[in-house]
PDB file of N, CA and C in Angstrom:
ATOM      1  N   MET A   1      12.814   0.079  14.108  1.00  0.00           N
ATOM      2  CA  MET A   1      13.656  -0.516  13.097  1.00  0.00           C
ATOM      3  C   MET A   1      14.615   0.567  12.599  1.00  0.00           C
ATOM      4  N   ILE A   2      15.807   0.558  13.129  1.00  0.00           N
ATOM      5  CA  ILE A   2      16.846   1.546  12.816  1.00  0.00           C
ATOM      6  C   ILE A   2      17.827   0.936  11.822  1.00  0.00           C
ATOM      7  N   ASP A   3      18.195   1.727  10.824  1.00  0.00           N
ATOM      8  CA  ASP A   3      19.200   1.284   9.861  1.00  0.00           C
ATOM      9  C   ASP A   3      20.559   1.315  10.551  1.00  0.00           C
ATOM     10  N   PRO A   4      21.220   0.154  10.656  1.00  0.00           N
ATOM     11  CA  PRO A   4      22.504   0.139  11.371  1.00  0.00           C
ATOM     12  C   PRO A   4      23.588   0.978  10.702  1.00  0.00           C
ATOM     13  N   LYS A   5      23.489   1.194   9.390  1.00  0.00           N
ATOM     14  CA  LYS A   5      24.511   1.972   8.682  1.00  0.00           C
ATOM     15  C   LYS A   5      24.389   3.459   8.982  1.00  0.00           C
ATOM     16  N   THR A   6      23.154   3.974   9.015  1.00  0.00           N
ATOM     17  CA  THR A   6      22.957   5.410   9.189  1.00  0.00           C
ATOM     18  C   THR A   6      22.496   5.795  10.577  1.00  0.00           C
ATOM     19  N   GLY A   7      21.930   4.847  11.322  1.00  0.00           N
ATOM     20  CA  GLY A   7      21.393   5.165  12.636  1.00  0.00           C
ATOM     21  C   GLY A   7      20.043   5.849  12.567  1.00  0.00           C
ATOM     22  N   LEU A   8      19.456   5.938  11.373  1.00  0.00           N
ATOM     23  CA  LEU A   8      18.165   6.604  11.182  1.00  0.00           C
ATOM     24  C   LEU A   8      17.076   5.575  10.890  1.00  0.00           C
ATOM     25  N   PRO A   9      15.829   5.884  11.253  1.00  0.00           N
ATOM     26  CA  PRO A   9      14.744   4.989  10.867  1.00  0.00           C
ATOM     27  C   PRO A   9      14.513   5.086   9.359  1.00  0.00           C
ATOM     28  N   PRO A  10      14.074   4.011   8.732  1.00  0.00           N
ATOM     29  CA  PRO A  10      13.858   4.074   7.283  1.00  0.00           C
ATOM     30  C   PRO A  10      12.695   4.994   6.948  1.00  0.00           C
ATOM     31  N   ARG A  11      12.879   5.807   5.930  1.00  0.00           N
ATOM     32  CA  ARG A  11      11.801   6.680   5.469  1.00  0.00           C
ATOM     33  C   ARG A  11      11.051   6.030   4.332  1.00  0.00           C
ATOM     34  N   PHE A  12      11.767   5.245   3.557  1.00  0.00           N
ATOM     35  CA  PHE A  12      11.173   4.588   2.400  1.00  0.00           C
ATOM     36  C   PHE A  12      11.521   3.107   2.416  1.00  0.00           C
ATOM     37  N   LEU A  13      10.575   2.307   1.966  1.00  0.00           N
ATOM     38  CA  LEU A  13      10.801   0.870   1.876  1.00  0.00           C
ATOM     39  C   LEU A  13      10.774   0.451   0.421  1.00  0.00           C
ATOM     40  N   ARG A  14      11.670  -0.439   0.048  1.00  0.00           N
ATOM     41  CA  ARG A  14      11.624  -1.029  -1.286  1.00  0.00           C
ATOM     42  C   ARG A  14      10.457  -2.012  -1.316  1.00  0.00           C
ATOM     43  N   THR A  15      10.097  -2.471  -2.496  1.00  0.00           N
ATOM     44  CA  THR A  15       8.911  -3.306  -2.669  1.00  0.00           C
ATOM     45  C   THR A  15       8.907  -4.552  -1.772  1.00  0.00           C
ATOM     46  N   PRO A  16       9.997  -5.333  -1.694  1.00  0.00           N
ATOM     47  CA  PRO A  16       9.942  -6.522  -0.827  1.00  0.00           C
ATOM     48  C   PRO A  16       9.664  -6.186   0.639  1.00  0.00           C
ATOM     49  N   ASP A  17      10.285  -5.112   1.133  1.00  0.00           N
ATOM     50  CA  ASP A  17      10.075  -4.716   2.526  1.00  0.00           C
ATOM     51  C   ASP A  17       8.677  -4.157   2.741  1.00  0.00           C
ATOM     52  N   ALA A  18       8.163  -3.404   1.757  1.00  0.00           N
ATOM     53  CA  ALA A  18       6.807  -2.865   1.857  1.00  0.00           C
ATOM     54  C   ALA A  18       5.787  -4.002   1.872  1.00  0.00           C
ATOM     55  N   ALA A  19       5.991  -5.005   1.036  1.00  0.00           N
ATOM     56  CA  ALA A  19       5.084  -6.155   1.010  1.00  0.00           C
ATOM     57  C   ALA A  19       5.117  -6.879   2.355  1.00  0.00           C
ATOM     58  N   ARG A  20       6.294  -7.060   2.912  1.00  0.00           N
ATOM     59  CA  ARG A  20       6.428  -7.713   4.217  1.00  0.00           C
ATOM     60  C   ARG A  20       5.735  -6.884   5.298  1.00  0.00           C
ATOM     61  N   PHE A  21       5.896  -5.569   5.241  1.00  0.00           N
ATOM     62  CA  PHE A  21       5.261  -4.665   6.198  1.00  0.00           C
ATOM     63  C   PHE A  21       3.744  -4.800   6.142  1.00  0.00           C
ATOM     64  N   LEU A  22       3.194  -4.925   4.930  1.00  0.00           N
ATOM     65  CA  LEU A  22       1.745  -5.036   4.744  1.00  0.00           C
ATOM     66  C   LEU A  22       1.216  -6.450   4.975  1.00  0.00           C
ATOM     67  N   GLY A  23       2.113  -7.421   4.959  1.00  0.00           N
ATOM     68  CA  GLY A  23       1.680  -8.802   5.131  1.00  0.00           C
ATOM     69  C   GLY A  23       1.077  -9.401   3.874  1.00  0.00           C
ATOM     70  N   ILE A  24       1.513  -8.894   2.709  1.00  0.00           N
ATOM     71  CA  ILE A  24       1.048  -9.431   1.438  1.00  0.00           C
ATOM     72  C   ILE A  24       2.264  -9.858   0.624  1.00  0.00           C
ATOM     73  N   SER A  25       2.021 -10.587  -0.446  1.00  0.00           N
ATOM     74  CA  SER A  25       3.149 -11.057  -1.249  1.00  0.00           C
ATOM     75  C   SER A  25       3.715  -9.924  -2.100  1.00  0.00           C
ATOM     76  N   LEU A  26       4.951 -10.088  -2.460  1.00  0.00           N
ATOM     77  CA  LEU A  26       5.628  -9.135  -3.340  1.00  0.00           C
ATOM     78  C   LEU A  26       4.854  -8.985  -4.644  1.00  0.00           C
ATOM     79  N   ARG A  27       4.432 -10.093  -5.208  1.00  0.00           N
ATOM     80  CA  ARG A  27       3.706 -10.076  -6.486  1.00  0.00           C
ATOM     81  C   ARG A  27       2.370  -9.346  -6.359  1.00  0.00           C
ATOM     82  N   THR A  28       1.675  -9.525  -5.247  1.00  0.00           N
ATOM     83  CA  THR A  28       0.400  -8.829  -5.045  1.00  0.00           C
ATOM     84  C   THR A  28       0.626  -7.325  -4.990  1.00  0.00           C
ATOM     85  N   LEU A  29       1.673  -6.890  -4.309  1.00  0.00           N
ATOM     86  CA  LEU A  29       1.968  -5.456  -4.242  1.00  0.00           C
ATOM     87  C   LEU A  29       2.320  -4.916  -5.627  1.00  0.00           C
ATOM     88  N   GLU A  30       3.061  -5.692  -6.416  1.00  0.00           N
ATOM     89  CA  GLU A  30       3.374  -5.274  -7.785  1.00  0.00           C
ATOM     90  C   GLU A  30       2.101  -5.155  -8.621  1.00  0.00           C
ATOM     91  N   LYS A  31       1.174  -6.092  -8.450  1.00  0.00           N
ATOM     92  CA  LYS A  31      -0.095  -6.020  -9.189  1.00  0.00           C
ATOM     93  C   LYS A  31      -0.894  -4.796  -8.774  1.00  0.00           C
ATOM     94  N   HIS A  32      -0.923  -4.502  -7.477  1.00  0.00           N
ATOM     95  CA  HIS A  32      -1.617  -3.293  -7.014  1.00  0.00           C
ATOM     96  C   HIS A  32      -1.027  -2.059  -7.690  1.00  0.00           C
ATOM     97  N   ARG A  33       0.278  -2.018  -7.818  1.00  0.00           N
ATOM     98  CA  ARG A  33       0.937  -0.876  -8.469  1.00  0.00           C
ATOM     99  C   ARG A  33       0.531  -0.791  -9.935  1.00  0.00           C
ATOM    100  N   THR A  34       0.476  -1.928 -10.608  1.00  0.00           N
ATOM    101  CA  THR A  34       0.109  -1.965 -12.028  1.00  0.00           C
ATOM    102  C   THR A  34      -1.318  -1.483 -12.253  1.00  0.00           C
ATOM    103  N   TYR A  35      -2.244  -1.929 -11.394  1.00  0.00           N
ATOM    104  CA  TYR A  35      -3.659  -1.606 -11.583  1.00  0.00           C
ATOM    105  C   TYR A  35      -4.074  -0.302 -10.916  1.00  0.00           C
ATOM    106  N   GLY A  36      -3.173   0.303 -10.161  1.00  0.00           N
ATOM    107  CA  GLY A  36      -3.503   1.573  -9.512  1.00  0.00           C
ATOM    108  C   GLY A  36      -4.390   1.420  -8.296  1.00  0.00           C
ATOM    109  N   THR A  37      -4.423   0.222  -7.710  1.00  0.00           N
ATOM    110  CA  THR A  37      -5.271  -0.020  -6.545  1.00  0.00           C
ATOM    111  C   THR A  37      -4.487  -0.029  -5.245  1.00  0.00           C
ATOM    112  N   GLY A  38      -3.191   0.144  -5.311  1.00  0.00           N
ATOM    113  CA  GLY A  38      -2.350   0.027  -4.125  1.00  0.00           C
ATOM    114  C   GLY A  38      -1.971   1.351  -3.515  1.00  0.00           C
ATOM    115  N   PRO A  39      -1.036   1.288  -2.585  1.00  0.00           N
ATOM    116  CA  PRO A  39      -0.581   2.509  -1.917  1.00  0.00           C
ATOM    117  C   PRO A  39       0.227   3.398  -2.862  1.00  0.00           C
ATOM    118  N   THR A  40       0.307   4.652  -2.505  1.00  0.00           N
ATOM    119  CA  THR A  40       1.107   5.607  -3.267  1.00  0.00           C
ATOM    120  C   THR A  40       2.566   5.178  -3.213  1.00  0.00           C
ATOM    121  N   TYR A  41       3.240   5.283  -4.341  1.00  0.00           N
ATOM    122  CA  TYR A  41       4.659   4.921  -4.390  1.00  0.00           C
ATOM    123  C   TYR A  41       5.424   6.012  -5.100  1.00  0.00           C
ATOM    124  N   ARG A  42       6.733   5.937  -5.012  1.00  0.00           N
ATOM    125  CA  ARG A  42       7.612   6.901  -5.669  1.00  0.00           C
ATOM    126  C   ARG A  42       8.651   6.137  -6.472  1.00  0.00           C
ATOM    127  N   LYS A  43       9.108   6.760  -7.548  1.00  0.00           N
ATOM    128  CA  LYS A  43      10.222   6.192  -8.302  1.00  0.00           C
ATOM    129  C   LYS A  43      11.393   7.142  -8.124  1.00  0.00           C
ATOM    130  N   ILE A  44      12.427   6.632  -7.505  1.00  0.00           N
ATOM    131  CA  ILE A  44      13.617   7.430  -7.253  1.00  0.00           C
ATOM    132  C   ILE A  44      14.786   6.719  -7.919  1.00  0.00           C
ATOM    133  N   GLY A  45      15.339   7.345  -8.934  1.00  0.00           N
ATOM    134  CA  GLY A  45      16.451   6.729  -9.653  1.00  0.00           C
ATOM    135  C   GLY A  45      16.088   5.391 -10.275  1.00  0.00           C
ATOM    136  N   GLY A  46      14.849   5.247 -10.711  1.00  0.00           N
ATOM    137  CA  GLY A  46      14.403   4.002 -11.322  1.00  0.00           C
ATOM    138  C   GLY A  46      13.968   2.954 -10.318  1.00  0.00           C
ATOM    139  N   ARG A  47      14.075   3.252  -9.039  1.00  0.00           N
ATOM    140  CA  ARG A  47      13.663   2.305  -7.992  1.00  0.00           C
ATOM    141  C   ARG A  47      12.313   2.706  -7.444  1.00  0.00           C
ATOM    142  N   VAL A  48      11.493   1.722  -7.190  1.00  0.00           N
ATOM    143  CA  VAL A  48      10.183   1.960  -6.587  1.00  0.00           C
ATOM    144  C   VAL A  48      10.341   1.896  -5.083  1.00  0.00           C
ATOM    145  N   VAL A  49       9.870   2.930  -4.401  1.00  0.00           N
ATOM    146  CA  VAL A  49       9.919   2.969  -2.942  1.00  0.00           C
ATOM    147  C   VAL A  49       8.571   3.435  -2.406  1.00  0.00           C
ATOM    148  N   TYR A  50       8.295   3.021  -1.187  1.00  0.00           N
ATOM    149  CA  TYR A  50       7.045   3.370  -0.513  1.00  0.00           C
ATOM    150  C   TYR A  50       7.371   4.071   0.790  1.00  0.00           C
ATOM    151  N   ALA A  51       6.694   5.180   1.066  1.00  0.00           N
ATOM    152  CA  ALA A  51       6.836   5.852   2.356  1.00  0.00           C
ATOM    153  C   ALA A  51       6.000   5.100   3.381  1.00  0.00           C
ATOM    154  N   LEU A  52       6.521   4.958   4.584  1.00  0.00           N
ATOM    155  CA  LEU A  52       5.778   4.272   5.639  1.00  0.00           C
ATOM    156  C   LEU A  52       4.405   4.903   5.860  1.00  0.00           C
ATOM    157  N   GLU A  53       4.343   6.227   5.810  1.00  0.00           N
ATOM    158  CA  GLU A  53       3.078   6.934   6.019  1.00  0.00           C
ATOM    159  C   GLU A  53       2.060   6.556   4.943  1.00  0.00           C
ATOM    160  N   ASP A  54       2.523   6.389   3.697  1.00  0.00           N
ATOM    161  CA  ASP A  54       1.612   6.028   2.605  1.00  0.00           C
ATOM    162  C   ASP A  54       1.082   4.601   2.775  1.00  0.00           C
ATOM    163  N   LEU A  55       1.925   3.700   3.244  1.00  0.00           N
ATOM    164  CA  LEU A  55       1.481   2.324   3.485  1.00  0.00           C
ATOM    165  C   LEU A  55       0.440   2.289   4.600  1.00  0.00           C
ATOM    166  N   GLN A  56       0.697   3.037   5.654  1.00  0.00           N
ATOM    167  CA  GLN A  56      -0.248   3.072   6.766  1.00  0.00           C
ATOM    168  C   GLN A  56      -1.554   3.741   6.365  1.00  0.00           C
ATOM    169  N   ALA A  57      -1.482   4.797   5.563  1.00  0.00           N
ATOM    170  CA  ALA A  57      -2.696   5.486   5.102  1.00  0.00           C
ATOM    171  C   ALA A  57      -3.531   4.576   4.208  1.00  0.00           C
ATOM    172  N   TRP A  58      -2.881   3.794   3.356  1.00  0.00           N
ATOM    173  CA  TRP A  58      -3.598   2.892   2.462  1.00  0.00           C
ATOM    174  C   TRP A  58      -4.370   1.846   3.260  1.00  0.00           C
ATOM    175  N   THR A  59      -3.750   1.296   4.281  1.00  0.00           N
ATOM    176  CA  THR A  59      -4.455   0.298   5.081  1.00  0.00           C
ATOM    177  C   THR A  59      -5.509   0.936   5.974  1.00  0.00           C
ATOM    178  N   ALA A  60      -5.306   2.186   6.380  1.00  0.00           N
ATOM    179  CA  ALA A  60      -6.275   2.866   7.242  1.00  0.00           C
ATOM    180  C   ALA A  60      -7.599   3.115   6.533  1.00  0.00           C
ATOM    181  N   VAL A  61      -7.577   3.159   5.198  1.00  0.00           N
ATOM    182  CA  VAL A  61      -8.808   3.376   4.432  1.00  0.00           C
ATOM    183  C   VAL A  61      -9.857   2.325   4.792  1.00  0.00           C
ATOM    184  N   ALA A  62      -9.426   1.109   5.027  1.00  0.00           N
ATOM    185  CA  ALA A  62     -10.353   0.012   5.277  1.00  0.00           C
ATOM    186  C   ALA A  62     -10.542  -0.298   6.759  1.00  0.00           C
ATOM    187  N   ALA A  63     -10.080   0.572   7.633  1.00  0.00           N
ATOM    188  CA  ALA A  63     -10.233   0.330   9.064  1.00  0.00           C
ATOM    189  C   ALA A  63     -11.702   0.345   9.442  1.00  0.00           C
ATOM    190  N   ARG A  64     -12.075  -0.590  10.259  1.00  0.00           N
ATOM    191  CA  ARG A  64     -13.463  -0.685  10.715  1.00  0.00           C
ATOM    192  C   ARG A  64     -13.513  -1.284  12.105  1.00  0.00           C
ATOM    193  N   LYS A  65     -14.620  -1.033  12.797  1.00  0.00           N
ATOM    194  CA  LYS A  65     -14.793  -1.558  14.141  1.00  0.00           C
ATOM    195  C   LYS A  65     -15.785  -2.709  14.179  1.00  0.00           C
ATOM    196  N   SER A  66     -16.551  -2.860  13.122  1.00  0.00           N
ATOM    197  CA  SER A  66     -17.570  -3.897  13.091  1.00  0.00           C
ATOM    198  C   SER A  66     -17.783  -4.355  11.656  1.00  0.00           C
ATOM    199  N   THR A  67     -18.295  -5.554  11.489  1.00  0.00           N
ATOM    200  CA  THR A  67     -18.590  -6.042  10.138  1.00  0.00           C
ATOM    201  C   THR A  67     -19.739  -5.273   9.511  1.00  0.00           C
ATOM    202  N   THR A  68     -20.473  -4.538  10.317  1.00  0.00           N
ATOM    203  CA  THR A  68     -21.603  -3.766   9.791  1.00  0.00           C
ATOM    204  C   THR A  68     -21.260  -2.293   9.570  1.00  0.00           C
ATOM    205  N   ASP A  69     -19.997  -1.919   9.739  1.00  0.00           N
ATOM    206  CA  ASP A  69     -19.572  -0.534   9.500  1.00  0.00           C
ATOM    207  C   ASP A  69     -19.893  -0.136   8.064  1.00  0.00           C
ATOM    208  N   LYS A  70     -20.735   0.858   7.910  1.00  0.00           N
ATOM    209  CA  LYS A  70     -21.103   1.298   6.568  1.00  0.00           C
ATOM    210  C   LYS A  70     -20.190   2.415   6.064  1.00  0.00           C
ATOM    211  N   ASP A  71     -19.509   3.095   6.984  1.00  0.00           N
ATOM    212  CA  ASP A  71     -18.661   4.223   6.599  1.00  0.00           C
ATOM    213  C   ASP A  71     -17.226   3.813   6.270  1.00  0.00           C
ATOM    214  N   ALA A  72     -16.913   2.559   6.452  1.00  0.00           N
ATOM    215  CA  ALA A  72     -15.545   2.109   6.201  1.00  0.00           C
ATOM    216  C   ALA A  72     -15.254   2.126   4.706  1.00  0.00           C
ATOM    217  N   GLY A  73     -14.022   2.485   4.379  1.00  0.00           N
ATOM    218  CA  GLY A  73     -13.604   2.480   2.988  1.00  0.00           C
ATOM    219  C   GLY A  73     -13.305   1.062   2.533  1.00  0.00           C
ATOM    220  N   ARG A  74     -12.767   0.954   1.349  1.00  0.00           N
ATOM    221  CA  ARG A  74     -12.481  -0.368   0.806  1.00  0.00           C
ATOM    222  C   ARG A  74     -11.113  -0.364   0.153  1.00  0.00           C
ATOM    223  N   VAL A  75     -10.328  -1.368   0.455  1.00  0.00           N
ATOM    224  CA  VAL A  75      -9.075  -1.604  -0.244  1.00  0.00           C
ATOM    225  C   VAL A  75      -9.406  -2.628  -1.316  1.00  0.00           C
ATOM    226  N   TYR A  76      -9.289  -2.238  -2.557  1.00  0.00           N
ATOM    227  CA  TYR A  76      -9.694  -3.092  -3.671  1.00  0.00           C
ATOM    228  C   TYR A  76      -8.676  -4.185  -3.929  1.00  0.00           C
ATOM    229  N   PRO A  77      -9.134  -5.293  -4.523  1.00  0.00           N
ATOM    230  CA  PRO A  77      -8.197  -6.371  -4.860  1.00  0.00           C
ATOM    231  C   PRO A  77      -7.232  -5.942  -5.957  1.00  0.00           C
ATOM    232  N   ALA A  78      -6.163  -6.694  -6.092  1.00  0.00           N
ATOM    233  CA  ALA A  78      -5.131  -6.389  -7.088  1.00  0.00           C
ATOM    234  C   ALA A  78      -5.573  -6.914  -8.448  1.00  0.00           C
ATOM    235  N   ARG A  79      -6.488  -6.188  -9.072  1.00  0.00           N
ATOM    236  CA  ARG A  79      -6.977  -6.518 -10.412  1.00  0.00           C
ATOM    237  C   ARG A  79      -7.548  -5.237 -11.013  1.00  0.00           C
ATOM    238  N   PRO A  80      -7.804  -5.229 -12.321  1.00  0.00           N
ATOM    239  CA  PRO A  80      -8.415  -4.029 -12.900  1.00  0.00           C
ATOM    240  C   PRO A  80      -9.774  -3.769 -12.259  1.00  0.00           C
ATOM    241  N   LEU A  81     -10.075  -2.517 -11.987  1.00  0.00           N
ATOM    242  CA  LEU A  81     -11.347  -2.165 -11.374  1.00  0.00           C
ATOM    243  C   LEU A  81     -12.464  -2.171 -12.409  1.00  0.00           C
ATOM    244  N   THR A  82     -13.651  -2.562 -11.975  1.00  0.00           N
ATOM    245  CA  THR A  82     -14.823  -2.502 -12.837  1.00  0.00           C
ATOM    246  C   THR A  82     -15.264  -1.044 -12.920  1.00  0.00           C
ATOM    247  N   PRO A  83     -16.070  -0.680 -13.922  1.00  0.00           N
ATOM    248  CA  PRO A  83     -16.557   0.708 -13.987  1.00  0.00           C
ATOM    249  C   PRO A  83     -17.295   1.149 -12.712  1.00  0.00           C
ATOM    250  N   ALA A  84     -18.048   0.250 -12.105  1.00  0.00           N
ATOM    251  CA  ALA A  84     -18.770   0.599 -10.867  1.00  0.00           C
ATOM    252  C   ALA A  84     -17.779   0.870  -9.733  1.00  0.00           C
ATOM    253  N   GLU A  85     -16.721   0.079  -9.642  1.00  0.00           N
ATOM    254  CA  GLU A  85     -15.715   0.287  -8.599  1.00  0.00           C
ATOM    255  C   GLU A  85     -14.958   1.593  -8.830  1.00  0.00           C
ATOM    256  N   ARG A  86     -14.658   1.896 -10.090  1.00  0.00           N
ATOM    257  CA  ARG A  86     -13.966   3.154 -10.392  1.00  0.00           C
ATOM    258  C   ARG A  86     -14.807   4.346  -9.987  1.00  0.00           C
ATOM    259  N   GLY A  87     -16.115   4.254 -10.197  1.00  0.00           N
ATOM    260  CA  GLY A  87     -17.022   5.348  -9.835  1.00  0.00           C
ATOM    261  C   GLY A  87     -17.172   5.512  -8.341  1.00  0.00           C
ATOM    262  N   ALA A  88     -16.997   4.431  -7.598  1.00  0.00           N
ATOM    263  CA  ALA A  88     -17.150   4.467  -6.150  1.00  0.00           C
ATOM    264  C   ALA A  88     -15.935   5.050  -5.445  1.00  0.00           C
ATOM    265  N   ARG A  89     -14.820   5.152  -6.129  1.00  0.00           N
ATOM    266  CA  ARG A  89     -13.585   5.657  -5.501  1.00  0.00           C
ATOM    267  C   ARG A  89     -13.658   7.092  -5.247  1.00  0.00           C
TER     268      ARG A  89
END
């Protein structure tokens, strides 16, 4: 995916594009940002942007090969974390 204006691949995605990349709704990504459960983001000039590497790293946390994988991490839902969930992070 090359930017036709610059000829360079995008380094940062705005929220709508990041949500599309992750396959989740824009609102869900905004909620993740609010609750601190989502991918790392940056604010540049008042705009929220996501690095592709950060989006991929966030999803990689929950990568697993089997439903019985005990070592797999967890991507938490877009809501405030319970005290037990906060301690598990």
